[in-house]
C-alpha atoms as a PDB file:
ATOM      1  CA  MET A   1     142.145 141.617  76.593  1.00  0.00           C
ATOM      2  CA  HIS A   2     142.499 137.840  77.360  1.00  0.00           C
ATOM      3  CA  SER A   3     140.426 135.155  75.784  1.00  0.00           C
ATOM      4  CA  LEU A   4     139.010 133.255  78.985  1.00  0.00           C
ATOM      5  CA  LEU A   5     138.286 130.400  76.168  1.00  0.00           C
ATOM      6  CA  PRO A   6     140.872 127.558  75.434  1.00  0.00           C
ATOM      7  CA  THR A   7     143.372 128.007  72.367  1.00  0.00           C
ATOM      8  CA  THR A   8     145.727 125.699  72.429  1.00  0.00           C
ATOM      9  CA  GLY A   9     144.595 122.113  71.867  1.00  0.00           C
ATOM     10  CA  THR A  10     145.757 120.754  74.876  1.00  0.00           C
ATOM     11  CA  THR A  11     143.893 123.619  77.144  1.00  0.00           C
ATOM     12  CA  VAL A  12     140.482 122.259  74.470  1.00  0.00           C
ATOM     13  CA  PHE A  13     141.507 119.041  76.472  1.00  0.00           C
ATOM     14  CA  HIS A  14     142.044 120.016  79.845  1.00  0.00           C
ATOM     15  CA  PHE A  15     138.893 122.728  79.841  1.00  0.00           C
ATOM     16  CA  ILE A  16     136.614 119.448  78.788  1.00  0.00           C
ATOM     17  CA  SER A  17     138.003 117.558  81.852  1.00  0.00           C
ATOM     18  CA  PHE A  18     137.255 119.971  84.456  1.00  0.00           C
ATOM     19  CA  LEU A  19     133.732 119.888  82.505  1.00  0.00           C
ATOM     20  CA  LEU A  20     133.469 116.105  82.825  1.00  0.00           C
ATOM     21  CA  ILE A  21     135.278 115.975  86.417  1.00  0.00           C
ATOM     22  CA  ALA A  22     132.616 119.362  87.023  1.00  0.00           C
ATOM     23  CA  VAL A  23     129.293 117.360  86.080  1.00  0.00           C
ATOM     24  CA  ALA A  24     130.909 114.033  87.482  1.00  0.00           C
ATOM     25  CA  THR A  25     130.495 115.305  90.761  1.00  0.00           C
ATOM     26  CA  THR A  26     126.887 116.857  90.600  1.00  0.00           C
ATOM     27  CA  VAL A  27     125.547 113.533  89.576  1.00  0.00           C
ATOM     28  CA  ARG A  28     128.038 112.064  92.478  1.00  0.00           C
ATOM     29  CA  ALA A  29     126.036 114.465  94.796  1.00  0.00           C
ATOM     30  CA  ALA A  30     122.547 112.718  94.476  1.00  0.00           C
ATOM     31  CA  LYS A  31     123.149 110.544  96.083  1.00  0.00           C
ATOM     32  CA  GLY A  32     124.671 109.667  99.672  1.00  0.00           C
ATOM     33  CA  THR A  33     123.871 108.637 103.330  1.00  0.00           C
ATOM     34  CA  VAL A  34     121.291 109.495 105.339  1.00  0.00           C
ATOM     35  CA  TRP A  35     119.513 108.775 108.667  1.00  0.00           C
ATOM     36  CA  ALA A  36     116.527 108.374 107.974  1.00  0.00           C
ATOM     37  CA  THR A  37     113.934 108.016 111.174  1.00  0.00           C
ATOM     38  CA  PRO A  38     109.893 106.953 111.096  1.00  0.00           C
ATOM     39  CA  HIS A  39     106.794 109.138 109.982  1.00  0.00           C
ATOM     40  CA  GLU A  40     103.645 107.880 111.244  1.00  0.00           C
ATOM     41  CA  SER A  41     101.526 110.945 109.625  1.00  0.00           C
ATOM     42  CA  TYR A  42     100.803 111.483 106.018  1.00  0.00           C
ATOM     43  CA  SER A  43     101.643 115.358 105.113  1.00  0.00           C
ATOM     44  CA  SER A  44     102.674 117.275 102.117  1.00  0.00           C
ATOM     45  CA  SER A  45     103.870 120.848 101.957  1.00  0.00           C
ATOM     46  CA  ILE A  46     102.895 121.228  97.868  1.00  0.00           C
ATOM     47  CA  GLY A  47      99.552 119.594  98.509  1.00  0.00           C
ATOM     48  CA  VAL A  48      99.931 116.086  97.080  1.00  0.00           C
ATOM     49  CA  LEU A  49      96.616 114.385  97.963  1.00  0.00           C
ATOM     50  CA  GLY A  50      96.833 111.170 100.230  1.00  0.00           C
ATOM     51  CA  CYS A  51      94.336 109.173  98.640  1.00  0.00           C
ATOM     52  CA  HIS A  52      95.886 109.289  95.052  1.00  0.00           C
ATOM     53  CA  ILE A  53      99.275 108.042  95.917  1.00  0.00           C
ATOM     54  CA  ASN A  54     100.699 104.898  98.436  1.00  0.00           C
ATOM     55  CA  THR A  55     101.137 107.140 101.465  1.00  0.00           C
ATOM     56  CA  ASN A  56     103.271 104.527 102.503  1.00  0.00           C
ATOM     57  CA  ARG A  57     106.366 105.050 100.038  1.00  0.00           C
ATOM     58  CA  VAL A  58     106.961 108.660 100.989  1.00  0.00           C
ATOM     59  CA  ALA A  59     110.392 110.991 102.144  1.00  0.00           C
ATOM     60  CA  TYR A  60     110.229 113.696 104.688  1.00  0.00           C
ATOM     61  CA  TRP A  61     113.373 115.558 103.767  1.00  0.00           C
ATOM     62  CA  PRO A  62     114.728 118.680 104.894  1.00  0.00           C
ATOM     63  CA  ASN A  63     115.335 120.495 101.452  1.00  0.00           C
ATOM     64  CA  SER A  64     112.672 122.346  99.278  1.00  0.00           C
ATOM     65  CA  VAL A  65     110.050 120.229  96.826  1.00  0.00           C
ATOM     66  CA  ASP A  66     111.865 120.430  94.066  1.00  0.00           C
ATOM     67  CA  CYS A  67     109.459 120.206  90.746  1.00  0.00           C
ATOM     68  CA  ASN A  68     111.412 117.347  88.965  1.00  0.00           C
ATOM     69  CA  ASN A  69     113.369 115.856  91.211  1.00  0.00           C
ATOM     70  CA  ILE A  70     110.143 114.542  93.818  1.00  0.00           C
ATOM     71  CA  CYS A  71     111.870 110.648  93.257  1.00  0.00           C
ATOM     72  CA  VAL A  72     114.130 108.985  95.237  1.00  0.00           C
ATOM     73  CA  SER A  73     115.427 105.436  96.651  1.00  0.00           C
ATOM     74  CA  LEU A  74     116.209 104.107  99.723  1.00  0.00           C
ATOM     75  CA  SER A  75     118.794 101.216 101.269  1.00  0.00           C
ATOM     76  CA  TYR A  76     119.305  99.645 103.882  1.00  0.00           C
ATOM     77  CA  GLY A  77     120.959  96.576 103.342  1.00  0.00           C
ATOM     78  CA  GLU A  78     120.244  94.441 100.492  1.00  0.00           C
ATOM     79  CA  ARG A  79     116.559  96.188 100.664  1.00  0.00           C
ATOM     80  CA  SER A  80     115.171  99.169  98.565  1.00  0.00           C
ATOM     81  CA  VAL A  81     112.978 101.211  97.930  1.00  0.00           C
ATOM     82  CA  LYS A  82     111.302 104.295  96.559  1.00  0.00           C
ATOM     83  CA  LEU A  83     109.785 106.835  97.385  1.00  0.00           C
ATOM     84  CA  LEU A  84     108.132 110.346  96.582  1.00  0.00           C
ATOM     85  CA  ARG A  85     109.667 113.292  97.719  1.00  0.00           C
ATOM     86  CA  ILE A  86     106.294 115.060  98.038  1.00  0.00           C
ATOM     87  CA  ASP A  87     106.954 117.271 101.557  1.00  0.00           C
ATOM     88  CA  GLN A  88     109.696 118.818 104.047  1.00  0.00           C
ATOM     89  CA  SER A  89     110.760 118.868 107.048  1.00  0.00           C
ATOM     90  CA  GLN A  90     112.226 120.562 110.127  1.00  0.00           C
ATOM     91  CA  GLY A  91     115.717 119.178 110.073  1.00  0.00           C
ATOM     92  CA  ALA A  92     115.451 114.761 109.366  1.00  0.00           C
ATOM     93  CA  HIS A  93     114.971 112.748 107.073  1.00  0.00           C
ATOM     94  CA  ASP A  94     112.093 111.498 107.706  1.00  0.00           C
ATOM     95  CA  VAL A  95     110.129 108.596 105.544  1.00  0.00           C
ATOM     96  CA  SER A  96     107.268 107.471 106.226  1.00  0.00           C
ATOM     97  CA  TYR A  97     106.526 104.454 108.535  1.00  0.00           C
ATOM     98  CA  ASP A  98     106.108 101.463 107.179  1.00  0.00           C
ATOM     99  CA  ALA A  99     108.862 102.210 104.767  1.00  0.00           C
ATOM    100  CA  TRP A 100     111.769 102.761 107.223  1.00  0.00           C
ATOM    101  CA  ASN A 101     110.315  99.157 109.166  1.00  0.00           C
ATOM    102  CA  TYR A 102     110.392  97.173 106.083  1.00  0.00           C
ATOM    103  CA  LEU A 103     114.073  98.728 105.767  1.00  0.00           C
ATOM    104  CA  TYR A 104     114.575  98.500 109.180  1.00  0.00           C
ATOM    105  CA  THR A 105     113.140  94.314 109.885  1.00  0.00           C
ATOM    106  CA  GLY A 106     112.418  93.386 105.525  1.00  0.00           C
ATOM    107  CA  PHE A 107     108.317  93.536 107.326  1.00  0.00           C
ATOM    108  CA  SER A 108     106.385  95.446 106.576  1.00  0.00           C
ATOM    109  CA  ALA A 109     104.575  97.764 110.004  1.00  0.00           C
ATOM    110  CA  THR A 110     101.401  96.118 109.709  1.00  0.00           C
ATOM    111  CA  GLU A 111     103.168  92.487 109.825  1.00  0.00           C
ATOM    112  CA  LYS A 112     105.353  93.282 112.404  1.00  0.00           C
ATOM    113  CA  PRO A 113     105.896  96.765 113.813  1.00  0.00           C
ATOM    114  CA  THR A 114     109.134  97.666 114.922  1.00  0.00           C
ATOM    115  CA  ALA A 115     110.385 100.804 117.182  1.00  0.00           C
ATOM    116  CA  GLY A 116     113.336 102.780 116.817  1.00  0.00           C
ATOM    117  CA  GLY A 117     115.356 106.258 115.889  1.00  0.00           C
ATOM    118  CA  ALA A 118     117.440 107.612 112.932  1.00  0.00           C
ATOM    119  CA  THR A 119     119.217 104.756 111.369  1.00  0.00           C
ATOM    120  CA  PRO A 120     122.393 104.895 108.839  1.00  0.00           C
ATOM    121  CA  MET A 121     121.050 104.116 104.847  1.00  0.00           C
ATOM    122  CA  GLU A 122     121.682 105.711 101.298  1.00  0.00           C
ATOM    123  CA  TYR A 123     119.971 107.061  99.459  1.00  0.00           C
ATOM    124  CA  GLU A 124     120.196 108.176  95.112  1.00  0.00           C
ATOM    125  CA  GLU A 125     117.831 111.258  93.893  1.00  0.00           C
ATOM    126  CA  LEU A 126     115.879 109.269  90.626  1.00  0.00           C
ATOM    127  CA  PRO A 127     114.079 110.182  87.839  1.00  0.00           C
ATOM    128  CA  ALA A 128     110.210 111.712  88.709  1.00  0.00           C
ATOM    129  CA  SER A 129     109.319 109.337  85.945  1.00  0.00           C
ATOM    130  CA  GLU A 130     110.643 106.435  88.221  1.00  0.00           C
ATOM    131  CA  CYS A 131     108.485 106.846  91.315  1.00  0.00           C
ATOM    132  CA  ARG A 132     104.792 106.480  88.583  1.00  0.00           C
ATOM    133  CA  ASP A 133     103.182 103.522  90.356  1.00  0.00           C
ATOM    134  CA  LEU A 134     103.510 104.953  94.040  1.00  0.00           C
ATOM    135  CA  ILE A 135     100.791 107.594  92.215  1.00  0.00           C
ATOM    136  CA  LYS A 136      96.902 106.110  91.757  1.00  0.00           C
ATOM    137  CA  THR A 137      96.102 109.416  88.736  1.00  0.00           C
ATOM    138  CA  LYS A 138      95.713 107.957  85.453  1.00  0.00           C
ATOM    139  CA  ASP A 139      98.821 107.969  83.610  1.00  0.00           C
ATOM    140  CA  GLY A 140     100.665 108.571  86.900  1.00  0.00           C
ATOM    141  CA  LYS A 141     100.060 111.933  87.183  1.00  0.00           C
ATOM    142  CA  LEU A 142     101.163 113.665  90.243  1.00  0.00           C
ATOM    143  CA  PRO A 143      97.731 114.492  92.106  1.00  0.00           C
ATOM    144  CA  LEU A 144      97.962 118.141  93.610  1.00  0.00           C
ATOM    145  CA  SER A 145      95.056 120.016  95.412  1.00  0.00           C
ATOM    146  CA  ALA A 146      93.525 122.832  93.047  1.00  0.00           C
ATOM    147  CA  ALA A 147      92.827 124.834  95.697  1.00  0.00           C
ATOM    148  CA  ASN A 148      95.967 124.796  97.641  1.00  0.00           C
ATOM    149  CA  SER A 149      98.599 123.659  95.221  1.00  0.00           C
ATOM    150  CA  MET A 150      98.632 126.964  93.078  1.00  0.00           C
ATOM    151  CA  ASN A 151     101.942 128.599  94.136  1.00  0.00           C
ATOM    152  CA  PHE A 152     104.030 125.754  93.701  1.00  0.00           C
ATOM    153  CA  LEU A 153     102.237 124.526  90.412  1.00  0.00           C
ATOM    154  CA  SER A 154     102.750 127.784  88.555  1.00  0.00           C
ATOM    155  CA  SER A 155     106.475 127.214  89.739  1.00  0.00           C
ATOM    156  CA  CYS A 156     106.765 124.082  87.830  1.00  0.00           C
ATOM    157  CA  MET A 157     104.497 125.714  84.751  1.00  0.00           C
ATOM    158  CA  ALA A 158     106.599 128.648  84.132  1.00  0.00           C
ATOM    159  CA  LYS A 159     109.435 126.891  82.841  1.00  0.00           C
ATOM    160  CA  ASP A 160     110.126 123.132  81.132  1.00  0.00           C
ATOM    161  CA  THR A 161     109.761 120.581  84.788  1.00  0.00           C
ATOM    162  CA  TRP A 162     108.509 117.433  85.485  1.00  0.00           C
ATOM    163  CA  VAL A 163     105.914 118.357  87.485  1.00  0.00           C
ATOM    164  CA  GLY A 164     104.527 120.503  84.577  1.00  0.00           C
ATOM    165  CA  LYS A 165     103.630 118.822  82.738  1.00  0.00           C
ATOM    166  CA  ASN A 166     102.942 115.610  84.930  1.00  0.00           C
ATOM    167  CA  HIS A 167     100.025 116.811  87.437  1.00  0.00           C
ATOM    168  CA  LEU A 168      96.243 116.332  87.887  1.00  0.00           C
ATOM    169  CA  LEU A 169      94.438 118.356  90.264  1.00  0.00           C
ATOM    170  CA  TYR A 170      91.535 117.623  92.056  1.00  0.00           C
ATOM    171  CA  ASN A 171      88.816 119.679  93.690  1.00  0.00           C
ATOM    172  CA  ILE A 172      90.198 118.699  97.222  1.00  0.00           C
ATOM    173  CA  LEU A 173      90.893 121.247 100.047  1.00  0.00           C
ATOM    174  CA  ASP A 174      93.596 118.963 102.157  1.00  0.00           C
ATOM    175  CA  PRO A 175      96.566 116.226 101.331  1.00  0.00           C
ATOM    176  CA  ILE A 176      94.341 113.482 103.806  1.00  0.00           C
ATOM    177  CA  CYS A 177      91.265 113.450 101.052  1.00  0.00           C
ATOM    178  CA  SER A 178      88.575 115.189 104.692  1.00  0.00           C
ATOM    179  CA  TRP A 179      87.655 117.784 102.578  1.00  0.00           C
ATOM    180  CA  GLY A 180      86.089 118.732  98.899  1.00  0.00           C
ATOM    181  CA  TYR A 181      84.918 116.807  96.328  1.00  0.00           C
ATOM    182  CA  ASP A 182      87.169 114.035  94.726  1.00  0.00           C
ATOM    183  CA  GLU A 183      86.534 115.428  91.222  1.00  0.00           C
ATOM    184  CA  THR A 184      89.432 116.357  88.660  1.00  0.00           C
ATOM    185  CA  CYS A 185      89.455 120.029  87.294  1.00  0.00           C
ATOM    186  CA  GLU A 186      91.285 121.812  84.161  1.00  0.00           C
ATOM    187  CA  LEU A 187      93.353 125.132  84.525  1.00  0.00           C
ATOM    188  CA  ASP A 188      93.721 127.035  81.058  1.00  0.00           C
ATOM    189  CA  TRP A 189      97.410 127.689  82.069  1.00  0.00           C
ATOM    190  CA  ALA A 190      98.318 128.256  78.483  1.00  0.00           C
ATOM    191  CA  SER A 191      95.439 131.649  78.481  1.00  0.00           C
ATOM    192  CA  GLY A 192      96.812 133.091  81.279  1.00  0.00           C
ATOM    193  CA  ALA A 193      94.304 131.342  84.101  1.00  0.00           C
ATOM    194  CA  ASN A 194      95.769 130.668  87.524  1.00  0.00           C
ATOM    195  CA  GLN A 195      92.757 128.987  89.038  1.00  0.00           C
ATOM    196  CA  ALA A 196      90.983 125.909  88.304  1.00  0.00           C
ATOM    197  CA  LYS A 197      87.824 125.071  86.675  1.00  0.00           C
ATOM    198  CA  CYS A 198      85.603 122.745  88.324  1.00  0.00           C
ATOM    199  CA  PRO A 199      82.139 120.957  87.822  1.00  0.00           C
ATOM    200  CA  HIS A 200      81.442 122.186  91.377  1.00  0.00           C
ATOM    201  CA  GLN A 201      83.016 125.459  93.146  1.00  0.00           C
ATOM    202  CA  LEU A 202      86.445 125.175  94.114  1.00  0.00           C
ATOM    203  CA  GLY A 203      87.291 124.694  97.508  1.00  0.00           C
ATOM    204  CA  THR A 204      84.504 124.390  99.062  1.00  0.00           C
ATOM    205  CA  PRO A 205      84.545 122.379 102.168  1.00  0.00           C
ATOM    206  CA  THR A 206      81.943 119.971 102.179  1.00  0.00           C
ATOM    207  CA  ALA A 207      82.841 116.885 103.706  1.00  0.00           C
ATOM    208  CA  LEU A 208      84.998 114.108 101.538  1.00  0.00           C
ATOM    209  CA  THR A 209      84.166 110.222 102.865  1.00  0.00           C
ATOM    210  CA  SER A 210      84.559 108.230  99.593  1.00  0.00           C
ATOM    211  CA  VAL A 211      88.598 108.035  99.113  1.00  0.00           C
ATOM    212  CA  PRO A 212      89.862 108.156 103.239  1.00  0.00           C
ATOM    213  CA  VAL A 213      93.578 108.459 103.467  1.00  0.00           C
ATOM    214  CA  TYR A 214      95.352 105.816 106.508  1.00  0.00           C
ATOM    215  CA  ASN A 215      98.216 106.540 108.401  1.00  0.00           C
ATOM    216  CA  ILE A 216      99.466 103.417 110.225  1.00  0.00           C
ATOM    217  CA  GLN A 217     100.487 103.616 114.096  1.00  0.00           C
ATOM    218  CA  TYR A 218     103.936 104.247 115.564  1.00  0.00           C
ATOM    219  CA  ASN A 219     105.025 101.046 117.322  1.00  0.00           C
ATOM    220  CA  THR A 220     101.772  99.526 117.046  1.00  0.00           C
ATOM    221  CA  GLY A 221     101.529  98.430 113.358  1.00  0.00           C
ATOM    222  CA  ARG A 222      97.280  99.544 113.366  1.00  0.00           C
ATOM    223  CA  ARG A 223      95.502 101.455 110.489  1.00  0.00           C
ATOM    224  CA  VAL A 224      94.420 104.876 112.092  1.00  0.00           C
ATOM    225  CA  LEU A 225      92.088 107.197 109.616  1.00  0.00           C
ATOM    226  CA  ALA A 226      94.632 110.003 109.436  1.00  0.00           C
ATOM    227  CA  SER A 227      90.611 112.585 109.289  1.00  0.00           C
ATOM    228  CA  THR A 228      90.363 111.447 113.009  1.00  0.00           C
ATOM    229  CA  ASN A 229      93.002 109.071 114.444  1.00  0.00           C
ATOM    230  CA  GLN A 230      90.849 106.473 115.163  1.00  0.00           C
ATOM    231  CA  VAL A 231      91.832 102.319 114.400  1.00  0.00           C
ATOM    232  CA  VAL A 232      89.752 101.221 111.388  1.00  0.00           C
ATOM    233  CA  ASP A 233      88.043  97.989 111.053  1.00  0.00           C
ATOM    234  CA  GLY A 234      85.764  96.241 109.201  1.00  0.00           C
ATOM    235  CA  GLY A 235      83.305  98.855 108.964  1.00  0.00           C
ATOM    236  CA  GLU A 236      85.951 101.401 107.842  1.00  0.00           C
ATOM    237  CA  VAL A 237      84.427 103.326 105.424  1.00  0.00           C
ATOM    238  CA  LYS A 238      81.334 103.193 107.204  1.00  0.00           C
ATOM    239  CA  ASN A 239      83.171 104.918 110.110  1.00  0.00           C
ATOM    240  CA  VAL A 240      84.738 107.970 107.534  1.00  0.00           C
ATOM    241  CA  ALA A 241      81.702 109.011 106.367  1.00  0.00           C
ATOM    242  CA  THR A 242      79.723 108.861 110.269  1.00  0.00           C
ATOM    243  CA  ASN A 243      83.252 110.747 111.548  1.00  0.00           C
ATOM    244  CA  LEU A 244      83.224 113.301 108.345  1.00  0.00           C
ATOM    245  CA  LYS A 245      79.134 113.973 108.415  1.00  0.00           C
ATOM    246  CA  THR A 246      79.794 114.779 112.647  1.00  0.00           C
ATOM    247  CA  MET A 247      82.174 116.741 112.041  1.00  0.00           C
ATOM    248  CA  ASN A 248      80.829 118.807 109.705  1.00  0.00           C
ATOM    249  CA  ASP A 249      77.794 119.226 111.341  1.00  0.00           C
ATOM    250  CA  ALA A 250      79.215 120.647 113.908  1.00  0.00           C
ATOM    251  CA  SER A 251      81.285 122.844 111.666  1.00  0.00           C
ATOM    252  CA  LEU A 252      78.134 124.223 110.476  1.00  0.00           C
ATOM    253  CA  GLY A 253      76.347 124.026 113.713  1.00  0.00           C
ATOM    254  CA  SER A 254      78.899 126.025 115.054  1.00  0.00           C
ATOM    255  CA  GLY A 255      78.947 128.480 112.692  1.00  0.00           C
ATOM    256  CA  ARG A 256      74.956 129.334 112.889  1.00  0.00           C
ATOM    257  CA  SER A 257      74.807 129.426 116.981  1.00  0.00           C
ATOM    258  CA  PHE A 258      77.978 132.727 116.433  1.00  0.00           C
ATOM    259  CA  MET A 259      75.139 134.392 113.806  1.00  0.00           C
ATOM    260  CA  MET A 260      73.063 134.505 115.976  1.00  0.00           C
ATOM    261  CA  MET A 261      74.857 135.139 118.904  1.00  0.00           C
ATOM    262  CA  LEU A 262      75.563 138.314 117.179  1.00  0.00           C
ATOM    263  CA  GLY A 263      72.172 139.116 116.169  1.00  0.00           C
ATOM    264  CA  LEU A 264      71.377 138.972 119.377  1.00  0.00           C
ATOM    265  CA  LEU A 265      74.423 141.458 120.344  1.00  0.00           C
ATOM    266  CA  THR A 266      73.205 143.580 117.520  1.00  0.00           C
ATOM    267  CA  PHE A 267      69.974 143.686 118.564  1.00  0.00           C
ATOM    268  CA  TRP A 268      70.633 144.040 122.224  1.00  0.00           C
ATOM    269  CA  LEU A 269      72.797 147.432 121.368  1.00  0.00           C
ATOM    270  CA  ALA A 270      70.326 148.601 118.705  1.00  0.00           C
ATOM    271  CA  TYR A 271      67.505 148.544 122.218  1.00  0.00           C
ATOM    272  CA  ARG A 272      70.336 150.531 124.322  1.00  0.00           C
ATOM    273  CA  MET A 273      70.759 152.872 121.793  1.00  0.00           C
END
């Protein structure tokens, strides 16, 4: 039988050189050129909560979201931004409209909004910790939905990953923070728990008004509520509360109407029999 291990000094040298080249190639593969396109509406396929991050610095790229590689830098000319890669696109290399506008023009989209399409820009993957300043939670831990992020989080907790060690669960149902409670939850993963415990019941769809998420409207630069797409003004927080309460009341009203109709139908059927 022939040994697969190197046996001579020269062979060892070539073997080590091969490994170094392979490693260098892998590192180089973490940077390159993408055709970046502007993206208006915040979303996250893994349930990252927009109310606790900078939603103007997000990458929506084709690759599935990783438990470690969630931070990239994107450059155009002399300008550069860091982005959280926390959503998966259908094929385009989308980035938050404000980030794209700044890279392309040097101005925020709220100052000088610009229309445009795919633009070649240089990217480089960074350690996740490099994007901590884009996260608004204590210690820069990634804010996840306790109700809807567990599949992703479980995959990260099963091995040694950055997200597995640096996450914070909230009792908020959706990435744009319009339902639930803005409160942190605890997950006793070590004892085998797969559901977090929160001060309020987990997953309760109550209207959340205290932490609104805003999008920047493409080509106009206007800030709009992510939950209603309404352009905001000086009374933005009040409008959020009013709109979400209306939505919540309408939802409850529809539910009561349905139950009343169901009861009447049951009574009619019983009478016919």
